Protein backbone atom coordinates (compact mmCIF):
# COMPACT_ATOMS: atom_id res chain seq x y z
CA MET A 1 74.08 77.42 60.52
CA GLU A 2 76.12 80.57 59.95
CA PHE A 3 75.38 81.66 63.55
CA PHE A 4 76.74 78.43 65.06
CA LYS A 5 79.79 78.67 62.81
CA ARG A 6 80.57 82.12 64.20
CA ILE A 7 80.09 80.92 67.77
CA PHE A 8 82.49 78.05 67.09
CA ILE A 9 85.12 80.44 65.71
CA VAL A 10 84.81 82.70 68.76
CA LEU A 11 85.22 79.73 71.09
CA ILE A 12 88.34 78.59 69.23
CA LEU A 13 89.80 82.10 69.50
CA VAL A 14 89.09 82.24 73.23
CA ILE A 15 90.68 78.83 73.78
CA ASN A 16 93.73 79.84 71.73
CA ILE A 17 94.15 83.10 73.67
CA TYR A 18 93.91 81.21 76.96
CA ASN A 19 96.47 78.65 75.80
CA VAL A 20 98.87 81.39 74.66
CA ASN A 21 98.65 83.08 78.04
CA ALA A 22 99.15 79.76 79.81
CA GLN A 23 102.18 78.98 77.66
CA VAL A 24 103.66 82.47 78.06
CA PHE A 25 103.67 82.16 81.87
CA SER A 26 104.58 78.47 81.94
CA ASP A 27 108.12 79.34 83.11
CA VAL A 28 106.69 81.21 86.11
CA TYR A 29 104.46 78.26 86.91
CA ALA A 30 107.47 75.94 86.67
CA LYS A 31 109.54 78.13 89.00
CA LEU A 32 106.79 78.02 91.60
CA GLN A 33 106.27 74.27 91.29
CA GLN A 34 109.98 73.51 91.43
CA SER A 35 110.87 75.81 94.32
CA GLN A 36 111.93 73.67 97.27
CA ILE A 37 111.68 76.71 99.53
CA LEU A 38 108.00 77.26 98.67
CA ASN A 39 106.99 73.63 98.53
CA ASP A 40 108.24 72.94 102.04
CA HIS A 41 105.06 74.62 103.30
CA PHE A 42 101.54 75.57 102.19
CA PHE A 43 101.57 78.38 99.64
CA GLY A 44 99.20 79.89 97.10
CA PHE A 45 99.90 82.21 94.19
CA SER A 46 97.45 83.95 91.88
CA LEU A 47 98.60 86.26 89.08
CA TYR A 48 95.92 88.20 87.22
CA ASP A 49 96.25 90.26 84.02
CA LEU A 50 94.33 93.48 84.66
CA ASP A 51 94.18 94.38 80.97
CA SER A 52 92.80 91.08 79.65
CA ASN A 53 90.91 90.29 82.91
CA ARG A 54 92.19 86.73 83.24
CA TYR A 55 94.34 84.61 85.50
CA VAL A 56 97.70 83.81 83.94
CA VAL A 57 99.05 81.77 86.87
CA ASP A 58 97.04 80.17 89.65
CA ILE A 59 98.28 77.72 92.26
CA ASN A 60 95.99 76.89 95.19
CA GLY A 61 93.94 79.93 94.23
CA HIS A 62 90.79 78.56 95.89
CA LYS A 63 92.49 77.28 99.05
CA HIS A 64 91.93 79.21 102.27
CA PHE A 65 94.85 80.86 104.08
CA THR A 66 95.38 82.97 107.17
CA PRO A 67 96.09 86.38 105.58
CA ALA A 68 97.63 88.27 108.55
CA SER A 69 97.79 91.97 107.59
CA ASN A 70 96.60 91.30 104.04
CA THR A 71 93.28 91.66 105.89
CA LYS A 72 93.91 95.41 105.79
CA VAL A 73 93.31 95.38 102.01
CA PHE A 74 89.69 94.44 102.76
CA THR A 75 89.54 97.20 105.39
CA LEU A 76 90.93 99.63 102.82
CA TYR A 77 88.24 98.72 100.30
CA THR A 78 85.52 98.92 102.96
CA ALA A 79 86.65 102.43 103.89
CA LEU A 80 86.78 103.53 100.24
CA GLU A 81 83.20 102.35 99.82
CA MET A 82 81.71 103.55 103.11
CA LEU A 83 83.69 106.21 104.95
CA GLY A 84 83.68 109.32 102.76
CA ASP A 85 86.43 111.86 102.11
CA SER A 86 86.99 112.93 105.74
CA ILE A 87 86.89 111.08 109.04
CA PRO A 88 84.55 112.21 111.84
CA GLY A 89 86.51 113.50 114.82
CA LEU A 90 83.70 114.38 117.21
CA GLN A 91 79.92 114.49 117.46
CA TYR A 92 78.41 117.23 119.60
CA VAL A 93 75.43 119.40 120.47
CA GLU A 94 75.38 122.81 122.14
CA LYS A 95 72.76 123.50 124.80
CA GLY A 96 72.93 126.94 126.40
CA ASP A 97 76.31 127.27 128.15
CA SER A 98 77.07 123.55 127.71
CA LEU A 99 78.76 121.51 124.98
CA LEU A 100 77.91 117.80 125.01
CA PHE A 101 80.12 115.52 122.94
CA TRP A 102 80.43 111.88 121.88
CA GLY A 103 83.35 109.86 120.54
CA THR A 104 83.37 108.69 116.93
CA GLY A 105 86.19 106.15 117.12
CA ASP A 106 88.61 108.65 115.51
CA PRO A 107 92.10 107.13 116.04
CA THR A 108 93.98 110.35 115.26
CA PHE A 109 92.98 112.39 118.31
CA LEU A 110 96.18 113.43 120.14
CA HIS A 111 98.02 110.75 118.14
CA SER A 112 101.79 111.37 118.19
CA LYS A 113 101.99 111.41 114.37
CA MET A 114 98.52 112.10 113.03
CA ASP A 115 96.65 114.59 115.20
CA SER A 116 95.36 117.48 113.09
CA HIS A 117 94.54 119.50 116.28
CA VAL A 118 91.07 120.23 114.87
CA VAL A 119 89.24 118.50 117.72
CA TYR A 120 91.76 119.63 120.33
CA ASN A 121 91.49 123.29 119.30
CA PHE A 122 87.70 123.09 119.18
CA LEU A 123 87.50 121.80 122.75
CA LYS A 124 90.30 124.05 123.99
CA LYS A 125 88.83 127.28 122.62
CA THR A 126 85.19 126.80 123.57
CA GLU A 127 83.91 128.85 126.50
CA LYS A 128 81.16 126.32 127.17
CA LYS A 129 81.16 123.70 129.92
CA LEU A 130 82.24 120.32 128.61
CA PHE A 131 80.24 117.13 129.09
CA PHE A 132 81.27 113.76 127.65
CA ILE A 133 78.67 111.06 127.01
CA PRO A 134 80.14 107.54 126.71
CA THR A 135 78.80 105.34 123.92
CA PRO A 136 78.65 101.60 124.57
CA MET A 137 80.32 99.32 122.05
CA GLN A 138 79.41 95.78 121.09
CA ASN A 139 83.03 94.95 120.31
CA ARG A 140 85.38 93.72 123.00
CA PHE A 141 88.60 95.64 123.60
CA PHE A 142 90.42 92.79 121.77
CA ALA A 143 88.97 91.13 118.67
CA ALA A 144 88.35 87.39 118.41
CA GLY A 145 91.55 85.43 117.87
CA TRP A 146 93.96 88.06 119.22
CA THR A 147 96.74 86.64 121.34
CA MET A 148 96.70 87.65 125.00
CA ASP A 149 100.50 87.32 125.13
CA ASP A 150 100.73 90.53 123.11
CA PHE A 151 98.64 92.69 125.45
CA ASP A 152 101.64 94.97 126.14
CA SER A 153 102.97 95.06 122.56
CA TYR A 154 102.88 98.35 120.67
CA TYR A 155 101.01 96.79 117.73
CA GLN A 156 97.98 95.66 119.79
CA PRO A 157 96.30 98.68 121.45
CA GLU A 158 92.78 98.19 122.77
CA ILE A 159 89.76 99.05 120.60
CA ALA A 160 87.79 102.03 121.94
CA THR A 161 84.98 104.46 121.11
CA PHE A 162 86.93 107.58 122.08
CA PRO A 163 90.60 106.68 121.59
CA ILE A 164 93.22 109.14 122.78
CA TYR A 165 97.01 109.27 122.29
CA GLY A 166 96.71 106.21 120.06
CA ASN A 167 95.72 104.29 123.23
CA VAL A 168 99.41 103.88 124.02
CA VAL A 169 101.95 105.34 126.43
CA THR A 170 105.15 106.55 124.75
CA PHE A 171 108.40 105.99 126.65
CA ARG A 172 111.52 108.00 125.75
CA GLU A 173 114.96 107.94 127.31
CA ASN A 174 115.85 111.24 128.98
CA SER A 175 119.28 112.69 129.69
CA HIS A 176 119.42 111.24 133.20
CA ASN A 177 119.18 107.57 132.20
CA GLY A 178 115.50 107.67 132.98
CA LEU A 179 112.26 107.57 131.02
CA LYS A 180 109.90 110.37 130.05
CA LEU A 181 106.30 109.22 129.58
CA VAL A 182 103.59 110.69 127.34
CA PRO A 183 100.89 111.17 128.55
CA TYR A 184 102.64 112.48 131.67
CA LEU A 185 99.76 111.23 133.82
CA PHE A 186 101.31 107.74 133.71
CA GLN A 187 104.74 108.87 134.99
CA GLU A 188 103.89 107.92 138.55
CA LYS A 189 102.75 104.48 137.36
CA LEU A 190 106.27 103.44 136.34
CA THR A 191 108.12 101.18 138.79
CA ILE A 192 111.10 98.81 138.77
CA ASP A 193 110.40 95.07 138.69
CA HIS A 194 113.42 92.86 139.41
CA SER A 195 111.74 89.86 137.77
CA LEU A 196 112.20 91.55 134.39
CA ASP A 197 116.00 91.57 134.68
CA LYS A 198 117.17 89.45 131.73
CA GLY A 199 120.50 91.04 130.84
CA LYS A 200 118.98 93.82 128.69
CA PHE A 201 116.57 96.65 129.38
CA THR A 202 112.92 95.56 129.37
CA LEU A 203 109.58 97.34 129.66
CA SER A 204 106.18 95.79 130.32
CA ARG A 205 102.76 96.48 131.81
CA SER A 206 100.70 94.74 134.40
CA PHE A 207 98.13 92.49 132.72
CA VAL A 208 95.08 93.94 134.48
CA GLU A 209 96.00 97.55 135.28
CA ASN A 210 98.01 100.55 134.15
CA GLN A 211 101.09 99.74 136.18
CA PHE A 212 104.18 99.96 133.99
CA LEU A 213 107.25 97.95 134.86
CA GLN A 214 110.91 98.32 133.92
CA SER A 215 113.95 96.18 134.57
CA ARG A 216 117.02 97.51 136.41
CA GLU A 217 119.28 97.54 133.35
CA LYS A 218 120.46 100.85 131.90
CA VAL A 219 118.00 102.56 129.57
CA PRO A 220 119.56 102.49 126.05
CA SER A 221 120.48 105.82 124.48
CA ASN A 222 117.64 107.29 122.36
CA TYR A 223 115.29 104.54 123.55
CA VAL A 224 111.68 104.89 122.34
CA ASN A 225 108.87 102.42 122.94
CA GLU A 226 105.07 102.34 123.03
CA ILE A 227 102.96 100.19 125.34
CA PRO A 228 99.15 100.07 125.17
CA PHE A 229 97.34 101.29 128.25
CA LYS A 230 94.28 99.65 129.76
CA TYR A 231 91.46 101.78 128.36
CA SER A 232 88.35 103.11 130.08
CA ASP A 233 86.09 106.08 129.36
CA THR A 234 86.99 107.50 132.78
CA LEU A 235 90.70 107.30 132.00
CA ALA A 236 90.25 108.83 128.53
CA ILE A 237 88.41 111.85 129.94
CA ARG A 238 90.93 112.22 132.76
CA LEU A 239 93.70 112.32 130.13
CA LEU A 240 91.75 114.81 128.03
CA SER A 241 90.96 117.03 131.00
CA ASP A 242 94.62 117.01 132.00
CA THR A 243 95.70 117.91 128.45
CA LEU A 244 93.11 120.67 127.97
CA ASN A 245 93.53 121.89 131.55
CA LYS A 246 89.75 121.99 131.72
CA SER A 247 87.09 120.29 133.79
CA ILE A 248 85.07 117.67 131.88
CA GLN A 249 82.13 115.81 133.35
CA ILE A 250 80.97 112.35 132.25
CA ILE A 251 77.18 112.15 132.10
CA GLU A 252 74.42 109.96 130.72
CA TYR A 253 72.38 111.61 127.99
CA SER A 254 70.39 110.21 125.08
CA LYS A 255 71.94 111.27 121.81
CA PRO A 256 69.56 113.41 119.76
CA THR A 257 68.69 112.40 116.21
CA GLU A 258 70.46 115.48 114.92
CA VAL A 259 74.02 116.09 116.09
CA LYS A 260 76.84 118.16 114.61
CA THR A 261 79.95 116.42 113.35
CA LEU A 262 83.45 117.87 113.45
CA TYR A 263 85.78 116.28 110.87
CA SER A 264 89.43 115.89 111.76
CA ASN A 265 91.47 114.35 108.93
CA ALA A 266 91.38 113.33 105.27
CA THR A 267 90.36 109.68 104.93
CA ARG A 268 93.08 108.90 102.35
CA TYR A 269 95.76 110.21 104.72
CA VAL A 270 94.60 107.85 107.48
CA LEU A 271 94.30 104.92 105.06
CA ARG A 272 97.86 105.44 103.83
CA GLU A 273 99.11 105.51 107.42
CA MET A 274 97.25 102.26 108.05
CA MET A 275 98.63 100.52 104.97
CA LEU A 276 102.29 101.49 104.70
CA PRO A 277 103.52 100.73 108.23
CA SER A 278 100.66 98.19 108.64
CA ASP A 279 99.07 99.90 111.63
CA ASN A 280 96.67 97.54 113.42
CA TYR A 281 95.23 100.24 115.67
CA LEU A 282 94.20 102.41 112.71
CA ALA A 283 92.63 99.43 110.92
CA GLU A 284 90.38 98.55 113.86
CA GLN A 285 89.37 102.13 114.56
CA ILE A 286 88.56 102.76 110.89
CA LEU A 287 85.94 100.01 111.11
CA MET A 288 84.66 101.53 114.36
CA MET A 289 84.12 104.88 112.62
CA ILE A 290 82.35 103.18 109.70
CA SER A 291 80.14 101.27 112.12
CA LEU A 292 78.99 104.44 113.87
CA GLN A 293 78.44 106.23 110.58
CA LYS A 294 76.53 103.39 108.91
CA PHE A 295 74.69 101.76 111.82
CA LYS A 296 74.68 104.46 114.54
CA MET A 297 76.45 102.08 116.92
CA PHE A 298 79.89 100.63 117.56
CA ASP A 299 79.75 97.08 116.24
CA THR A 300 82.30 96.22 113.57
CA TYR A 301 80.73 92.81 112.92
CA LEU A 302 77.81 94.69 111.39
CA VAL A 303 80.25 96.33 108.97
CA ARG A 304 81.88 93.03 108.00
CA ASN A 305 78.53 91.34 107.53
CA TRP A 306 77.21 94.22 105.44
CA MET A 307 80.27 94.10 103.16
CA LYS A 308 79.92 90.34 102.91
CA ASP A 309 76.25 90.57 101.94
CA HIS A 310 76.69 93.42 99.45
CA TYR A 311 80.16 92.80 97.98
CA PHE A 312 82.12 89.83 99.20
CA LYS A 313 79.43 87.24 98.50
CA TYR A 314 80.13 87.77 94.81
CA TYR A 315 83.82 86.97 95.22
CA SER A 316 85.47 83.72 94.13
CA ASP A 317 85.32 82.02 97.53
CA GLU A 318 83.83 82.46 100.99
CA ILE A 319 85.57 85.09 103.12
CA VAL A 320 85.84 84.84 106.92
CA LEU A 321 87.03 87.98 108.75
CA HIS A 322 86.99 88.58 112.50
CA ASP A 323 88.91 91.85 112.62
CA GLY A 324 90.12 94.68 110.41
CA SER A 325 93.85 94.40 111.04
CA GLY A 326 94.77 90.76 110.52
CA LEU A 327 95.90 90.08 114.09
CA SER A 328 93.26 87.35 114.29
CA SER A 329 94.37 83.90 113.22
CA TYR A 330 90.67 83.13 112.64
CA ASN A 331 90.62 85.17 109.43
CA LYS A 332 90.51 83.04 106.27
CA ILE A 333 90.70 84.14 102.62
CA THR A 334 91.95 82.65 99.34
CA PRO A 335 94.46 84.08 96.83
CA GLN A 336 91.58 84.63 94.40
CA ASN A 337 89.69 86.54 97.11
CA MET A 338 92.68 88.85 97.29
CA ILE A 339 92.60 89.32 93.52
CA ASP A 340 88.87 90.06 93.74
CA VAL A 341 89.39 92.90 96.21
CA LEU A 342 92.45 94.24 94.37
CA VAL A 343 90.41 94.43 91.17
CA ALA A 344 87.60 96.16 93.10
CA ILE A 345 90.06 98.74 94.45
CA LYS A 346 91.46 99.24 90.94
CA ASN A 347 87.94 99.90 89.64
CA LYS A 348 87.30 102.28 92.55
CA LEU A 349 90.63 104.08 92.03
CA PRO A 350 91.60 103.68 88.37
CA ASP A 351 94.23 106.43 88.72
CA GLU A 352 97.40 104.52 89.57
CA SER A 353 99.04 107.54 91.19
CA GLN A 354 96.23 107.57 93.76
CA ARG A 355 95.92 103.81 94.14
CA PHE A 356 99.59 102.95 94.45
CA LYS A 357 100.02 105.65 97.10
CA LEU A 358 97.90 103.46 99.40
CA PHE A 359 100.27 100.48 99.07
CA SER A 360 103.91 100.00 100.06
CA THR A 361 106.22 100.58 97.11
CA GLY A 362 108.96 97.97 96.77
CA GLY A 363 112.39 99.47 97.37
CA VAL A 364 110.92 102.87 98.27
CA ASP A 365 108.66 102.94 101.36
CA GLY A 366 106.48 101.08 103.83
CA THR A 367 106.99 97.45 104.76
CA LEU A 368 108.50 96.67 101.32
CA LYS A 369 111.21 99.34 101.44
CA ARG A 370 114.00 96.86 102.19
CA SER A 371 112.52 93.78 100.54
CA TYR A 372 112.83 94.85 96.91
CA SER A 373 115.28 96.78 94.78
CA THR A 374 113.99 99.07 92.08
CA ASP A 375 114.48 97.92 88.47
CA ARG A 376 116.79 100.38 86.74
CA GLY A 377 115.65 102.94 89.27
CA VAL A 378 111.95 102.22 88.66
CA PRO A 379 109.71 100.66 91.36
CA PHE A 380 107.46 97.89 90.09
CA VAL A 381 105.71 96.29 93.09
CA PHE A 382 102.94 98.07 95.04
CA ALA A 383 101.60 95.72 97.68
CA LYS A 384 100.49 94.97 101.22
CA THR A 385 102.45 92.56 103.38
CA GLY A 386 101.07 90.30 106.09
CA THR A 387 103.15 88.78 108.87
CA ILE A 388 102.33 86.80 111.99
CA THR A 389 103.90 83.61 113.30
CA SER A 390 104.21 81.06 110.45
CA VAL A 391 102.44 83.43 108.04
CA TYR A 392 103.93 85.70 105.39
CA CYS A 393 101.88 87.20 102.57
CA GLN A 394 102.14 89.82 99.84
CA SER A 395 99.24 90.99 97.70
CA GLY A 396 99.08 93.95 95.36
CA TYR A 397 100.02 95.20 91.92
CA LEU A 398 102.98 94.53 89.61
CA ILE A 399 104.03 96.38 86.46
CA THR A 400 106.36 94.50 84.08
CA ARG A 401 109.05 95.99 81.84
CA SER A 402 106.81 95.63 78.80
CA GLY A 403 104.03 97.51 80.59
CA LYS A 404 101.81 94.59 81.61
CA LYS A 405 99.65 95.50 84.59
CA LEU A 406 99.10 92.59 86.93
CA ALA A 407 97.46 91.93 90.27
CA PHE A 408 98.98 89.23 92.43
CA SER A 409 98.49 87.43 95.71
CA PHE A 410 101.32 85.39 97.22
CA LEU A 411 100.24 83.67 100.45
CA ASN A 412 102.43 81.47 102.68
CA ASN A 413 101.20 79.56 105.76
CA ASN A 414 102.39 76.83 108.12
CA PHE A 415 106.15 77.16 107.85
CA ILE A 416 108.73 77.13 110.61
CA ASP A 417 108.94 80.78 111.57
CA GLU A 418 112.74 80.95 111.34
CA ARG A 419 112.41 80.36 107.58
CA SER A 420 110.41 83.53 106.94
CA ALA A 421 113.42 85.51 105.65
CA ILE A 422 114.28 82.77 103.12
CA ILE A 423 110.66 82.63 101.95
CA ARG A 424 110.50 86.42 101.52
CA LYS A 425 113.68 86.34 99.44
CA GLU A 426 112.29 83.58 97.20
CA MET A 427 109.07 85.56 96.67
CA VAL A 428 111.04 88.67 95.74
CA ASN A 429 113.13 86.64 93.27
CA ILE A 430 110.00 85.33 91.53
CA MET A 431 108.26 88.73 91.42
CA THR A 432 111.44 90.34 90.07
CA TYR A 433 111.71 87.60 87.42
CA ILE A 434 108.16 88.37 86.25
CA ARG A 435 108.96 92.08 86.14
CA GLN A 436 112.09 91.59 84.03
CA ASN A 437 110.81 88.92 81.63
CA TYR A 438 107.29 90.05 80.74
């Protein structure tokens, strides 16, 4: 009898604690429910207390949304679990006077911002003859659900096994009202196309080939743009040979069981560069590197399925992911799924100084630099944004004035795209209210 009495008391205490939490955040719940801006479209909001391990606000927490670049939070967690401290830059074997090498999917090689020069210097300094062995990939150059309209947009480079120069051509205005291209090999591929004349300078690329097109308008001062090139192994090695000023042959050769690996960059550095500016190219190539490391082949669906079977199946709701970046409109997650992965990342990286460095800091850097103001000079939101047409999301961590540590997911779908700025402002108002009142 005494045992059941104790159980009853514990249950009453649990219920009372839950009710207190619900009552404490009732004003936040009311703000969300009464917001005309939010209720004009489909939105979900989950707010989770990381100290007491409970939801304090949850609206449409189990409804599925298109997450856009919130998908990168799942890619981040996958990399933290599977990639290791450094990323593989090259696999190779040495045979006599020859050096045979394979791509690893490393996105930083000759990248305009991220190249460590480790791989470049290794290939440049070797006295051996260079032979490149292409590795087939099961992925297509675009993931499922990517829009073909964006084939020449800087944020949608092709997926590749041996990426080079970020798989983009960089265009810069020179002093003679012209354009300087990097890699220089593409300079002769730039022509004028009168059909692009629209009253302002325009750049594009032919849909099926590396023919770059510009309108006749004057090139703006300090103009900089990036356009993805149409990738092939032959082109990649031609670019590399031109850069190294060395002859490189492409051959077929079965990869031995034992190969050497040259590491090029710290994993955390690449993950931060993926997360803060929301780099789609890095997100896709990170999964390519994991795929090769885990399964000895380039097939990112194997990575997603493995994570689903070993981690995501225990999450609140079913997760459907078709890419690592969030460009695919086929991706579907729930606000509580986002909380699940945020909690998993918190458990993986309990040190906030390390964890928050991988998320945009409101009012300070990344995609949230201009969205938030700091509170009395102190940043309080550390989150990932997600934006495609009719989608705007934020998911991450919030610290209140009283020191409460919260995880949140704020997902918005199916609104008229011109309203995105108003929706972002309303979200910021609500998150700032929670910061200042709790």
